[in-house]
Each structure stands twice: as structure tokens, then as C-alpha cells.
Amino acid sequence: MRPILLLISLLFIANVSGQGAYSTFFNEIPDSRLAYKEGEKLLYTVKYTWGIFRTDVGEAIITIDRKSNGMYGDHFHSVITGYSYKFYDVFLK
């Protein structure tokens, strides 16, 4: 029992000590090195599995906009919109 507690304690301490790493502010990163661009859209298909039946039941769209205000500074704002296909509205709504 004691070796397990020791192992868990060491893993917790190792995890916590790694969180103090230096982080770069968003406006210090050049636009060419950003992971996302303003106006980028991601489209996901929502699937549902019931037993052997696997079907597409809807879509989710994520749009990314760049915002700037005094409280949060320059940042990305993502909006997620999801909807189901008309056929599945009876079951899902």
C-alpha cells in the first residue's frame, strides 16, 4: 500500500512542478506562427451509434474570430453551432 501512495505522490509533485513554465503572451507571437487564423471554420459530423446502427445525425461548426478589448486584450473567440438533420429532429429534440 505504501509504495503505491509514494508513487502517486511523486507523480503529483512532478506534474505540479511542470506547470510553472514560461508562457508567451498572444500578441508577442507573430501571425505566421499562430495555430489558428481569423475566420477559420471547422466542420464536424456528429455521429450516433446504437447497437449495430451507426449514422450521421447532425453537424457542428466552429468559427474562430479575433477579438480585442480592454479586459482580456487581444484573443481568439470561438463559437460552436450545432444542429441535427431534419429526419432526426423527432428523436433528438
N, C-alpha and C. Protein backbone atom coordinates (compact mmCIF):
# COMPACT_ATOMS: atom_id res chain seq x y z
N MET A 1 0.83 -1.19 0.00
CA MET A 1 0.00 0.00 0.00
C MET A 1 0.87 1.25 0.00
N ARG A 2 1.94 1.26 0.81
CA ARG A 2 2.80 2.44 0.90
C ARG A 2 3.53 2.74 -0.41
N PRO A 3 4.03 1.74 -1.15
CA PRO A 3 4.69 2.06 -2.42
C PRO A 3 3.74 2.73 -3.41
N ILE A 4 2.47 2.35 -3.39
CA ILE A 4 1.50 2.96 -4.31
C ILE A 4 1.28 4.41 -3.93
N LEU A 5 1.15 4.70 -2.64
CA LEU A 5 0.97 6.08 -2.19
C LEU A 5 2.19 6.93 -2.53
N LEU A 6 3.38 6.37 -2.37
CA LEU A 6 4.60 7.08 -2.71
C LEU A 6 4.64 7.38 -4.21
N LEU A 7 4.29 6.42 -5.02
CA LEU A 7 4.29 6.61 -6.46
C LEU A 7 3.29 7.69 -6.87
N ILE A 8 2.10 7.65 -6.32
CA ILE A 8 1.09 8.66 -6.64
C ILE A 8 1.55 10.04 -6.19
N SER A 9 2.16 10.12 -5.02
CA SER A 9 2.66 11.41 -4.51
C SER A 9 3.74 11.96 -5.43
N LEU A 10 4.66 11.11 -5.87
CA LEU A 10 5.73 11.57 -6.76
C LEU A 10 5.18 12.04 -8.10
N LEU A 11 4.22 11.33 -8.64
CA LEU A 11 3.62 11.74 -9.91
C LEU A 11 2.90 13.07 -9.77
N PHE A 12 2.22 13.29 -8.65
CA PHE A 12 1.52 14.55 -8.42
C PHE A 12 2.52 15.70 -8.31
N ILE A 13 3.60 15.51 -7.57
CA ILE A 13 4.60 16.56 -7.40
C ILE A 13 5.27 16.87 -8.74
N ALA A 14 5.58 15.86 -9.52
CA ALA A 14 6.21 16.07 -10.82
C ALA A 14 5.28 16.83 -11.74
N ASN A 15 4.01 16.57 -11.68
CA ASN A 15 3.04 17.25 -12.52
C ASN A 15 2.89 18.71 -12.13
N VAL A 16 2.82 18.99 -10.85
CA VAL A 16 2.65 20.36 -10.37
C VAL A 16 3.87 21.20 -10.66
N SER A 17 5.06 20.66 -10.51
CA SER A 17 6.26 21.45 -10.72
C SER A 17 6.44 21.85 -12.18
N GLY A 18 5.86 21.13 -13.12
CA GLY A 18 5.98 21.47 -14.53
C GLY A 18 5.03 22.55 -14.99
N GLN A 19 4.12 22.99 -14.14
CA GLN A 19 3.14 23.98 -14.56
C GLN A 19 3.64 25.41 -14.43
N GLY A 20 4.80 25.61 -13.89
CA GLY A 20 5.33 26.96 -13.73
C GLY A 20 6.12 27.44 -14.93
N ALA A 21 6.00 26.78 -16.06
CA ALA A 21 6.77 27.14 -17.24
C ALA A 21 6.35 28.50 -17.78
N TYR A 22 7.28 29.17 -18.44
CA TYR A 22 7.03 30.48 -19.01
C TYR A 22 6.01 30.38 -20.14
N SER A 23 5.05 31.25 -20.17
CA SER A 23 4.08 31.27 -21.26
C SER A 23 4.19 32.59 -22.00
N THR A 24 4.05 32.55 -23.30
CA THR A 24 4.16 33.72 -24.15
C THR A 24 2.80 34.37 -24.31
N PHE A 25 2.76 35.69 -24.24
CA PHE A 25 1.51 36.40 -24.47
C PHE A 25 1.11 36.29 -25.93
N PHE A 26 -0.19 36.30 -26.17
CA PHE A 26 -0.73 36.10 -27.50
C PHE A 26 -0.20 37.15 -28.48
N ASN A 27 -0.13 38.41 -28.08
CA ASN A 27 0.29 39.46 -29.01
C ASN A 27 1.80 39.49 -29.23
N GLU A 28 2.57 38.64 -28.55
CA GLU A 28 4.00 38.54 -28.80
C GLU A 28 4.32 37.50 -29.88
N ILE A 29 3.34 36.72 -30.30
CA ILE A 29 3.55 35.68 -31.30
C ILE A 29 3.22 36.26 -32.68
N PRO A 30 4.10 36.15 -33.65
CA PRO A 30 3.78 36.65 -34.99
C PRO A 30 2.63 35.86 -35.61
N ASP A 31 1.84 36.53 -36.47
CA ASP A 31 0.68 35.89 -37.09
C ASP A 31 1.04 34.63 -37.87
N SER A 32 2.23 34.57 -38.43
CA SER A 32 2.63 33.40 -39.22
C SER A 32 2.83 32.16 -38.35
N ARG A 33 3.00 32.33 -37.03
CA ARG A 33 3.25 31.20 -36.14
C ARG A 33 2.01 30.79 -35.34
N LEU A 34 0.89 31.44 -35.53
CA LEU A 34 -0.33 31.12 -34.78
C LEU A 34 -0.95 29.83 -35.31
N ALA A 35 -1.56 29.07 -34.42
CA ALA A 35 -2.21 27.82 -34.82
C ALA A 35 -3.51 28.07 -35.56
N TYR A 36 -4.18 29.18 -35.25
CA TYR A 36 -5.47 29.50 -35.87
C TYR A 36 -5.38 30.84 -36.56
N LYS A 37 -6.19 31.02 -37.57
CA LYS A 37 -6.32 32.29 -38.27
C LYS A 37 -7.73 32.82 -38.09
N GLU A 38 -7.88 34.12 -38.16
CA GLU A 38 -9.20 34.72 -38.02
C GLU A 38 -10.10 34.27 -39.17
N GLY A 39 -11.35 33.92 -38.86
CA GLY A 39 -12.30 33.49 -39.87
C GLY A 39 -12.23 32.01 -40.20
N GLU A 40 -11.37 31.27 -39.53
CA GLU A 40 -11.23 29.84 -39.79
C GLU A 40 -12.48 29.10 -39.32
N LYS A 41 -12.91 28.12 -40.11
CA LYS A 41 -14.09 27.32 -39.76
C LYS A 41 -13.73 25.85 -39.75
N LEU A 42 -14.24 25.16 -38.75
CA LEU A 42 -14.06 23.71 -38.65
C LEU A 42 -15.44 23.08 -38.71
N LEU A 43 -15.60 22.06 -39.52
CA LEU A 43 -16.89 21.39 -39.68
C LEU A 43 -16.75 19.95 -39.19
N TYR A 44 -17.60 19.57 -38.24
CA TYR A 44 -17.60 18.22 -37.69
C TYR A 44 -18.93 17.55 -37.99
N THR A 45 -18.89 16.27 -38.29
CA THR A 45 -20.10 15.48 -38.45
C THR A 45 -20.37 14.76 -37.14
N VAL A 46 -21.60 14.91 -36.64
CA VAL A 46 -21.99 14.28 -35.38
C VAL A 46 -22.56 12.91 -35.71
N LYS A 47 -22.00 11.88 -35.10
CA LYS A 47 -22.42 10.50 -35.36
C LYS A 47 -23.08 9.92 -34.12
N TYR A 48 -23.96 8.97 -34.34
CA TYR A 48 -24.63 8.28 -33.24
C TYR A 48 -24.60 6.79 -33.52
N THR A 49 -24.23 6.02 -32.50
CA THR A 49 -24.17 4.57 -32.64
C THR A 49 -25.13 3.93 -31.64
N TRP A 50 -25.97 3.04 -32.16
CA TRP A 50 -26.91 2.30 -31.32
C TRP A 50 -26.88 0.85 -31.77
N GLY A 51 -26.18 0.02 -31.00
CA GLY A 51 -26.02 -1.37 -31.42
C GLY A 51 -25.18 -1.46 -32.68
N ILE A 52 -25.75 -2.07 -33.72
CA ILE A 52 -25.03 -2.18 -34.99
C ILE A 52 -25.30 -0.99 -35.91
N PHE A 53 -26.23 -0.12 -35.54
CA PHE A 53 -26.57 1.03 -36.37
C PHE A 53 -25.65 2.20 -36.05
N ARG A 54 -25.03 2.73 -37.09
CA ARG A 54 -24.16 3.90 -36.95
C ARG A 54 -24.56 4.89 -38.03
N THR A 55 -24.94 6.09 -37.61
CA THR A 55 -25.46 7.04 -38.57
C THR A 55 -25.01 8.46 -38.25
N ASP A 56 -24.99 9.31 -39.27
CA ASP A 56 -24.72 10.73 -39.08
C ASP A 56 -26.02 11.41 -38.70
N VAL A 57 -26.03 12.12 -37.57
CA VAL A 57 -27.27 12.74 -37.11
C VAL A 57 -27.24 14.26 -37.14
N GLY A 58 -26.09 14.85 -37.40
CA GLY A 58 -26.03 16.31 -37.44
C GLY A 58 -24.64 16.81 -37.74
N GLU A 59 -24.49 18.13 -37.60
CA GLU A 59 -23.21 18.78 -37.85
C GLU A 59 -22.93 19.80 -36.76
N ALA A 60 -21.66 20.06 -36.53
CA ALA A 60 -21.23 21.11 -35.62
C ALA A 60 -20.20 21.97 -36.36
N ILE A 61 -20.38 23.27 -36.31
CA ILE A 61 -19.49 24.20 -36.99
C ILE A 61 -18.83 25.09 -35.93
N ILE A 62 -17.51 25.16 -35.97
CA ILE A 62 -16.76 26.02 -35.06
C ILE A 62 -16.13 27.14 -35.89
N THR A 63 -16.45 28.39 -35.54
CA THR A 63 -15.84 29.54 -36.20
C THR A 63 -14.95 30.27 -35.21
N ILE A 64 -13.84 30.78 -35.70
CA ILE A 64 -12.87 31.44 -34.84
C ILE A 64 -12.73 32.89 -35.31
N ASP A 65 -12.93 33.82 -34.37
CA ASP A 65 -12.79 35.24 -34.64
C ASP A 65 -11.74 35.82 -33.71
N ARG A 66 -11.09 36.86 -34.17
CA ARG A 66 -10.10 37.54 -33.34
C ARG A 66 -10.76 38.75 -32.69
N LYS A 67 -10.66 38.86 -31.39
CA LYS A 67 -11.29 39.95 -30.64
C LYS A 67 -10.21 40.73 -29.89
N SER A 68 -10.54 41.95 -29.58
CA SER A 68 -9.65 42.77 -28.79
C SER A 68 -10.49 43.69 -27.92
N ASN A 69 -10.31 43.61 -26.61
CA ASN A 69 -10.96 44.55 -25.71
C ASN A 69 -10.05 44.81 -24.53
N GLY A 70 -10.40 45.77 -23.71
CA GLY A 70 -9.54 46.18 -22.62
C GLY A 70 -9.36 45.14 -21.54
N MET A 71 -10.41 44.38 -21.25
CA MET A 71 -10.33 43.45 -20.13
C MET A 71 -9.47 42.23 -20.45
N TYR A 72 -9.63 41.64 -21.64
CA TYR A 72 -8.92 40.41 -21.99
C TYR A 72 -7.80 40.64 -23.00
N GLY A 73 -7.69 41.79 -23.55
CA GLY A 73 -6.66 42.06 -24.55
C GLY A 73 -6.99 41.38 -25.87
N ASP A 74 -5.97 41.14 -26.67
CA ASP A 74 -6.13 40.51 -27.98
C ASP A 74 -6.27 39.01 -27.78
N HIS A 75 -7.36 38.42 -28.30
CA HIS A 75 -7.59 36.99 -28.09
C HIS A 75 -8.48 36.42 -29.20
N PHE A 76 -8.54 35.09 -29.26
CA PHE A 76 -9.44 34.41 -30.19
C PHE A 76 -10.74 34.09 -29.46
N HIS A 77 -11.84 34.18 -30.19
CA HIS A 77 -13.16 33.85 -29.66
C HIS A 77 -13.76 32.78 -30.57
N SER A 78 -14.08 31.63 -30.02
CA SER A 78 -14.65 30.56 -30.83
C SER A 78 -16.14 30.41 -30.52
N VAL A 79 -16.91 30.19 -31.58
CA VAL A 79 -18.35 30.00 -31.47
C VAL A 79 -18.66 28.64 -32.07
N ILE A 80 -19.36 27.81 -31.30
CA ILE A 80 -19.73 26.47 -31.76
C ILE A 80 -21.23 26.43 -31.99
N THR A 81 -21.63 26.09 -33.20
CA THR A 81 -23.03 25.97 -33.56
C THR A 81 -23.29 24.55 -34.01
N GLY A 82 -24.27 23.91 -33.40
CA GLY A 82 -24.59 22.53 -33.77
C GLY A 82 -26.05 22.40 -34.13
N TYR A 83 -26.33 21.51 -35.04
CA TYR A 83 -27.72 21.24 -35.41
C TYR A 83 -27.85 19.79 -35.86
N SER A 84 -29.05 19.28 -35.71
CA SER A 84 -29.32 17.90 -36.15
C SER A 84 -30.00 17.95 -37.51
N TYR A 85 -29.87 16.87 -38.25
CA TYR A 85 -30.56 16.77 -39.54
C TYR A 85 -32.06 16.64 -39.29
N LYS A 86 -32.87 17.12 -40.24
CA LYS A 86 -34.32 17.17 -40.07
C LYS A 86 -34.92 15.81 -39.72
N PHE A 87 -34.45 14.76 -40.31
CA PHE A 87 -35.00 13.43 -40.06
C PHE A 87 -34.89 13.04 -38.59
N TYR A 88 -33.78 13.47 -37.92
CA TYR A 88 -33.54 13.05 -36.54
C TYR A 88 -34.09 14.03 -35.51
N ASP A 89 -34.70 15.12 -35.95
CA ASP A 89 -35.28 16.08 -35.00
C ASP A 89 -36.33 15.43 -34.11
N VAL A 90 -37.07 14.48 -34.62
CA VAL A 90 -38.11 13.80 -33.84
C VAL A 90 -37.49 13.05 -32.66
N PHE A 91 -36.31 12.46 -32.85
CA PHE A 91 -35.67 11.67 -31.82
C PHE A 91 -34.82 12.50 -30.86
N LEU A 92 -34.22 13.57 -31.37
CA LEU A 92 -33.21 14.30 -30.60
C LEU A 92 -33.72 15.57 -29.94
N LYS A 93 -34.90 16.04 -30.33
CA LYS A 93 -35.40 17.29 -29.72
C LYS A 93 -36.61 17.06 -28.89
